[in-house]
Amino acid sequence: MSRRTQTDTGQIEQVRRFNRTVTERVGVLHDHYLGGDRPVGEARLLWEIGERGQDVRRLRERLGLDSGYVSRLLRALAADGLVTVEPLPEDRRVRTVRLTGAGRAERALLDDRSDALAGSLLEPLNTAQRARLVAAMAEVDRLLTAATVTLDAVDPDQPDARYCLRSYVTELQESFDTGFDPALSLLPDAGGLRPPHGLFLVARAHGEPVGCAGLKLPPGAPAEIKRMWVAPAARGLGLGRRFLAELEERARRHGCAVLRLDTNKALAAAQGLYRSCGFAEVPAFNDEPYAHHWFEKRLGEDES
């Protein structure tokens, strides 16, 4: 059983106090959210569906809800004539939910009432207090987003993995003064990151892919990090550092004593990250044509 320090106990209590204050102040405890005819779950679903409609699976992943609960919410909204749920003609296993005219009207009303609620939170405060509250909310939003990002080991051919790899290649092509052709690199096929010779991680925020990182595990040789990328919108969440920590732990569990990586001179921020995470620059250990800097880190048995 883990023991919480006094600091941890205080932090947990502060989080719980914050949650109680927010849920009370924004009205999520009421059956008629924002003075409407439905609870917060149905109201939030209307807002998330949006003008273009949504894939039901993506909607469920976005909100982190189980399929049974989402199905009940959608049935309630459909019974009130606010949404339609239909299978895609090309793949009837995929269902799409769209707002009806009545659904769009109710969503617009919810937007107006949400604006009014936000205004009521700010109105009693003076100018300096408003600025402090908005800045604090932005910081809380950023940190909560970071806390909800998941890392999953997937096959490099999985759709989210392919999306991340395409984005990785596109960014390097634009960043390197020589361009970037993955066919010329030492890992031309990301399939080399499949077990047992490696692994590939995908990061997701609200069900959407926002980063990736691979680990080569050659027998009898140091582990090597490859194809690490974080989406621009997800930068600043500490995801690069989290990738490094996770891959380091996986390499250690695999019995590796050394973890290596190489990088291009154009990626100055990445070099700073590696150094801050304990990687030291070393002489070239491969002939990667796009590398200008090589790093490695000695892995102890347990650095926790």
Protein backbone atom coordinates (compact mmCIF):
# COMPACT_ATOMS: atom_id res chain seq x y z
CA MET A 1 0.00 0.00 0.00
CA SER A 2 1.41 3.38 -0.96
CA ARG A 3 1.77 6.04 1.72
CA ARG A 4 0.88 9.63 0.90
CA THR A 5 3.10 12.38 2.15
CA GLN A 6 1.58 15.38 3.90
CA THR A 7 2.12 17.37 0.70
CA ASP A 8 0.27 14.76 -1.37
CA THR A 9 -2.65 14.78 1.07
CA GLY A 10 -2.87 18.56 0.88
CA GLN A 11 -2.75 18.50 -2.90
CA ILE A 12 -5.50 15.90 -3.11
CA GLU A 13 -7.72 17.90 -0.77
CA GLN A 14 -7.17 21.04 -2.85
CA VAL A 15 -8.14 19.21 -6.04
CA ARG A 16 -11.30 17.89 -4.38
CA ARG A 17 -12.18 21.37 -3.08
CA PHE A 18 -11.67 22.81 -6.57
CA ASN A 19 -13.91 20.11 -8.08
CA ARG A 20 -16.68 20.84 -5.58
CA THR A 21 -16.50 24.57 -6.23
CA VAL A 22 -16.60 24.18 -10.00
CA THR A 23 -19.43 21.65 -10.11
CA GLU A 24 -21.54 23.83 -7.81
CA ARG A 25 -20.78 27.09 -9.61
CA VAL A 26 -21.38 25.90 -13.17
CA GLY A 27 -24.59 24.09 -12.31
CA VAL A 28 -23.77 20.50 -13.25
CA LEU A 29 -25.59 19.24 -10.14
CA HIS A 30 -28.96 20.31 -11.53
CA ASP A 31 -31.20 18.11 -13.70
CA HIS A 32 -31.95 21.13 -15.89
CA TYR A 33 -28.51 22.31 -16.95
CA LEU A 34 -28.32 26.02 -17.84
CA GLY A 35 -32.07 26.29 -17.26
CA GLY A 36 -32.84 23.92 -20.15
CA ASP A 37 -34.89 20.74 -20.28
CA ARG A 38 -32.05 18.25 -20.01
CA PRO A 39 -29.20 17.23 -17.71
CA VAL A 40 -25.57 18.15 -18.36
CA GLY A 41 -24.72 14.85 -20.08
CA GLU A 42 -27.24 15.36 -22.88
CA ALA A 43 -26.42 19.06 -23.16
CA ARG A 44 -22.69 18.36 -23.46
CA LEU A 45 -23.31 15.73 -26.13
CA LEU A 46 -25.30 18.23 -28.21
CA TRP A 47 -22.40 20.67 -28.06
CA GLU A 48 -19.78 18.04 -28.95
CA ILE A 49 -21.75 16.75 -31.95
CA GLY A 50 -21.47 20.19 -33.50
CA GLU A 51 -22.56 21.43 -36.90
CA ARG A 52 -20.81 18.74 -38.94
CA GLY A 53 -21.87 15.71 -36.95
CA GLN A 54 -19.60 13.10 -35.38
CA ASP A 55 -18.56 9.49 -35.66
CA VAL A 56 -20.17 7.93 -32.57
CA ARG A 57 -17.00 6.03 -31.69
CA ARG A 58 -14.88 9.19 -31.88
CA LEU A 59 -17.47 11.05 -29.84
CA ARG A 60 -17.31 8.38 -27.15
CA GLU A 61 -13.50 8.48 -27.10
CA ARG A 62 -13.48 12.28 -27.05
CA LEU A 63 -15.58 12.36 -23.89
CA GLY A 64 -14.14 9.23 -22.28
CA LEU A 65 -17.58 7.62 -21.88
CA ASP A 66 -18.60 3.97 -22.17
CA SER A 67 -20.68 2.89 -25.14
CA GLY A 68 -23.77 2.02 -23.10
CA TYR A 69 -23.99 5.46 -21.52
CA VAL A 70 -23.47 7.25 -24.85
CA SER A 71 -26.14 5.07 -26.45
CA ARG A 72 -28.62 6.03 -23.71
CA LEU A 73 -27.86 9.72 -24.17
CA LEU A 74 -28.23 9.48 -27.94
CA ARG A 75 -31.54 7.61 -27.63
CA ALA A 76 -32.88 10.37 -25.38
CA LEU A 77 -31.78 13.08 -27.81
CA ALA A 78 -33.18 11.18 -30.80
CA ALA A 79 -36.51 10.66 -29.01
CA ASP A 80 -36.74 14.45 -28.60
CA GLY A 81 -36.03 14.97 -32.30
CA LEU A 82 -32.67 16.65 -31.73
CA VAL A 83 -30.34 14.15 -33.45
CA THR A 84 -30.31 11.40 -36.03
CA VAL A 85 -28.01 8.38 -35.80
CA GLU A 86 -27.31 6.51 -39.01
CA PRO A 87 -24.73 3.99 -40.26
CA LEU A 88 -22.31 5.06 -42.96
CA PRO A 89 -23.34 3.63 -46.36
CA GLU A 90 -19.77 2.42 -47.05
CA ASP A 91 -19.36 0.78 -43.61
CA ARG A 92 -22.52 0.08 -41.67
CA ARG A 93 -20.49 -0.74 -38.56
CA VAL A 94 -19.67 2.97 -38.26
CA ARG A 95 -22.49 5.17 -36.97
CA THR A 96 -22.68 8.91 -37.45
CA VAL A 97 -24.74 11.26 -35.31
CA ARG A 98 -25.97 14.60 -36.67
CA LEU A 99 -28.03 17.45 -35.28
CA THR A 100 -31.50 18.07 -36.67
CA GLY A 101 -32.82 21.60 -37.13
CA ALA A 102 -34.29 21.44 -33.64
CA GLY A 103 -30.95 20.14 -32.34
CA ARG A 104 -29.06 23.04 -33.89
CA ALA A 105 -31.51 25.50 -32.37
CA GLU A 106 -31.11 23.99 -28.90
CA ARG A 107 -27.34 23.94 -29.27
CA ALA A 108 -27.37 27.65 -30.14
CA LEU A 109 -29.49 28.32 -27.06
CA LEU A 110 -27.00 26.37 -24.93
CA ASP A 111 -24.18 28.46 -26.37
CA ASP A 112 -25.97 31.68 -25.43
CA ARG A 113 -26.64 30.45 -21.91
CA SER A 114 -23.05 29.22 -21.54
CA ASP A 115 -21.82 32.67 -22.50
CA ALA A 116 -24.15 34.18 -19.90
CA LEU A 117 -22.88 31.79 -17.22
CA ALA A 118 -19.26 32.62 -18.04
CA GLY A 119 -20.11 36.30 -17.83
CA SER A 120 -21.74 35.80 -14.43
CA LEU A 121 -18.51 34.24 -13.13
CA LEU A 122 -16.47 37.23 -14.26
CA GLU A 123 -18.89 40.10 -13.57
CA PRO A 124 -18.42 40.34 -9.76
CA LEU A 125 -14.63 40.58 -10.11
CA ASN A 126 -12.53 43.63 -10.80
CA THR A 127 -10.31 43.88 -13.88
CA ALA A 128 -7.21 42.44 -12.20
CA GLN A 129 -9.18 39.57 -10.67
CA ARG A 130 -10.73 38.70 -14.01
CA ALA A 131 -7.31 38.53 -15.64
CA ARG A 132 -6.02 36.32 -12.82
CA LEU A 133 -9.03 33.97 -13.04
CA VAL A 134 -8.84 33.60 -16.82
CA ALA A 135 -5.08 32.99 -16.69
CA ALA A 136 -5.54 30.41 -13.92
CA MET A 137 -8.28 28.67 -15.90
CA ALA A 138 -6.01 28.49 -18.95
CA GLU A 139 -3.27 26.92 -16.84
CA VAL A 140 -5.69 24.42 -15.27
CA ASP A 141 -7.02 23.52 -18.72
CA ARG A 142 -3.48 22.93 -20.00
CA LEU A 143 -2.49 20.77 -17.04
CA LEU A 144 -5.72 18.76 -17.03
CA THR A 145 -5.23 18.11 -20.74
CA ALA A 146 -1.71 16.86 -20.02
CA ALA A 147 -3.06 14.58 -17.30
CA THR A 148 -5.61 12.99 -19.63
CA VAL A 149 -3.17 12.12 -22.45
CA THR A 150 -2.79 8.36 -22.80
CA LEU A 151 0.18 6.38 -24.16
CA ASP A 152 -0.56 3.08 -25.86
CA ALA A 153 1.67 0.55 -27.61
CA VAL A 154 0.24 -0.08 -31.09
CA ASP A 155 1.28 -1.61 -34.38
CA PRO A 156 2.99 0.97 -36.65
CA ASP A 157 0.36 0.20 -39.31
CA GLN A 158 -2.51 1.11 -37.00
CA PRO A 159 -4.41 4.18 -38.37
CA ASP A 160 -3.45 6.58 -35.56
CA ALA A 161 0.17 5.42 -35.83
CA ARG A 162 0.17 6.02 -39.59
CA TYR A 163 -1.27 9.50 -39.05
CA CYS A 164 1.50 10.37 -36.58
CA LEU A 165 4.22 8.98 -38.84
CA ARG A 166 2.92 10.96 -41.83
CA SER A 167 2.86 14.11 -39.71
CA TYR A 168 6.38 13.37 -38.45
CA VAL A 169 7.71 13.02 -42.01
CA THR A 170 5.92 16.17 -43.19
CA GLU A 171 7.35 18.25 -40.36
CA LEU A 172 10.91 17.02 -40.93
CA GLN A 173 10.61 17.68 -44.64
CA GLU A 174 9.75 21.28 -43.82
CA SER A 175 12.32 21.67 -41.01
CA PHE A 176 15.50 20.15 -42.47
CA ASP A 177 17.44 22.26 -44.95
CA THR A 178 18.03 19.05 -46.95
CA GLY A 179 14.43 17.89 -46.72
CA PHE A 180 13.67 14.43 -45.35
CA ASP A 181 13.14 11.15 -47.19
CA PRO A 182 12.41 8.29 -44.76
CA ALA A 183 13.56 5.79 -47.41
CA LEU A 184 17.11 7.16 -47.02
CA SER A 185 17.15 6.94 -43.21
CA LEU A 186 18.42 3.99 -41.19
CA LEU A 187 14.83 3.06 -40.34
CA PRO A 188 13.09 3.23 -43.73
CA ASP A 189 10.18 1.09 -42.51
CA ALA A 190 8.55 1.80 -39.14
CA GLY A 191 7.52 -1.85 -39.16
CA GLY A 192 10.94 -2.45 -37.63
CA LEU A 193 9.45 -1.12 -34.40
CA ARG A 194 7.19 -4.13 -33.93
CA PRO A 195 7.78 -6.67 -31.15
CA PRO A 196 10.02 -8.47 -30.50
CA HIS A 197 12.49 -6.09 -32.15
CA GLY A 198 10.88 -2.90 -30.85
CA LEU A 199 7.68 -1.15 -29.91
CA PHE A 200 5.72 1.90 -31.01
CA LEU A 201 3.77 4.25 -28.74
CA VAL A 202 0.95 6.58 -29.73
CA ALA A 203 -0.23 9.42 -27.50
CA ARG A 204 -3.90 10.37 -27.60
CA ALA A 205 -5.71 13.38 -26.15
CA HIS A 206 -9.49 13.08 -26.05
CA GLY A 207 -9.20 10.06 -28.32
CA GLU A 208 -7.22 11.92 -31.01
CA PRO A 209 -3.58 11.06 -31.85
CA VAL A 210 -1.17 13.80 -30.76
CA GLY A 211 2.24 12.12 -30.78
CA CYS A 212 4.30 9.01 -31.27
CA ALA A 213 7.63 7.47 -30.35
CA GLY A 214 9.35 4.20 -31.21
CA LEU A 215 11.93 2.04 -29.49
CA LYS A 216 14.34 -0.30 -31.29
CA LEU A 217 15.37 -3.29 -29.23
CA PRO A 218 18.14 -5.02 -31.20
CA PRO A 219 19.44 -8.16 -29.49
CA GLY A 220 22.76 -7.64 -27.74
CA ALA A 221 22.89 -3.91 -28.53
CA PRO A 222 21.72 -0.65 -26.91
CA ALA A 223 18.08 0.34 -27.25
CA GLU A 224 17.41 3.27 -29.56
CA ILE A 225 14.62 5.84 -29.70
CA LYS A 226 13.23 6.55 -33.18
CA ARG A 227 10.42 8.51 -34.79
CA MET A 228 9.50 10.67 -31.80
CA TRP A 229 7.02 13.40 -32.69
CA VAL A 230 4.55 15.61 -30.79
CA ALA A 231 1.78 17.52 -32.56
CA PRO A 232 2.26 21.31 -32.42
CA ALA A 233 -1.05 21.74 -30.59
CA ALA A 234 0.12 19.32 -27.87
CA ARG A 235 3.52 20.90 -27.25
CA GLY A 236 4.03 22.42 -23.84
CA LEU A 237 2.19 19.54 -22.13
CA GLY A 238 5.37 17.70 -21.18
CA LEU A 239 4.62 14.93 -23.65
CA GLY A 240 8.17 14.67 -25.03
CA ARG A 241 9.54 14.19 -21.51
CA ARG A 242 6.82 11.63 -20.81
CA PHE A 243 7.69 9.69 -23.97
CA LEU A 244 11.36 9.58 -22.95
CA ALA A 245 10.53 8.36 -19.44
CA GLU A 246 8.21 5.65 -20.73
CA LEU A 247 10.66 4.39 -23.36
CA GLU A 248 13.48 4.46 -20.83
CA GLU A 249 11.44 2.31 -18.45
CA ARG A 250 10.53 -0.12 -21.24
CA ALA A 251 14.17 -0.40 -22.31
CA ARG A 252 15.22 -1.03 -18.71
CA ARG A 253 12.61 -3.76 -18.30
CA HIS A 254 13.92 -5.32 -21.51
CA GLY A 255 17.34 -5.56 -19.88
CA CYS A 256 19.03 -2.76 -21.81
CA ALA A 257 21.90 -0.92 -20.11
CA VAL A 258 22.13 1.95 -22.61
CA LEU A 259 19.50 4.03 -24.42
CA ARG A 260 20.52 5.95 -27.53
CA LEU A 261 19.08 8.42 -30.00
CA ASP A 262 20.25 10.69 -32.80
CA THR A 263 18.88 14.01 -34.02
CA ASN A 264 19.26 16.72 -36.61
CA LYS A 265 20.89 20.10 -35.98
CA ALA A 266 17.61 21.82 -36.87
CA LEU A 267 15.88 20.32 -33.82
CA ALA A 268 17.42 22.52 -31.14
CA ALA A 269 14.47 22.21 -28.74
CA ALA A 270 14.72 18.42 -28.91
CA GLN A 271 18.43 18.56 -28.08
CA GLY A 272 17.67 20.65 -25.01
CA LEU A 273 15.02 18.15 -23.93
CA TYR A 274 17.41 15.21 -24.26
CA ARG A 275 20.08 16.92 -22.18
CA SER A 276 17.59 17.88 -19.48
CA CYS A 277 16.47 14.25 -19.27
CA GLY A 278 19.98 12.97 -18.61
CA PHE A 279 21.20 12.15 -22.11
CA ALA A 280 24.81 13.03 -22.88
CA GLU A 281 26.13 13.85 -26.33
CA VAL A 282 28.53 11.18 -27.62
CA PRO A 283 30.48 10.49 -30.82
CA ALA A 284 28.49 9.17 -33.77
CA PHE A 285 27.41 5.58 -33.23
CA ASN A 286 25.75 5.15 -36.64
CA ASP A 287 25.82 6.64 -40.13
CA GLU A 288 22.31 8.09 -40.12
CA PRO A 289 22.40 10.62 -43.01
CA TYR A 290 20.07 13.07 -41.26
CA ALA A 291 21.86 13.06 -37.89
CA HIS A 292 24.27 15.72 -36.62
CA HIS A 293 24.10 14.91 -32.90
CA TRP A 294 24.14 11.58 -31.07
CA PHE A 295 23.07 11.04 -27.45
CA GLU A 296 23.01 8.19 -25.00
CA LYS A 297 21.97 7.52 -21.43
CA ARG A 298 23.19 4.80 -19.09
CA LEU A 299 20.26 3.00 -17.48
CA GLY A 300 20.49 1.92 -13.86
CA GLU A 301 18.44 -0.96 -12.53
CA ASP A 302 16.12 1.38 -10.66
CA GLU A 303 16.31 5.17 -10.76
CA SER A 304 13.03 5.84 -8.99
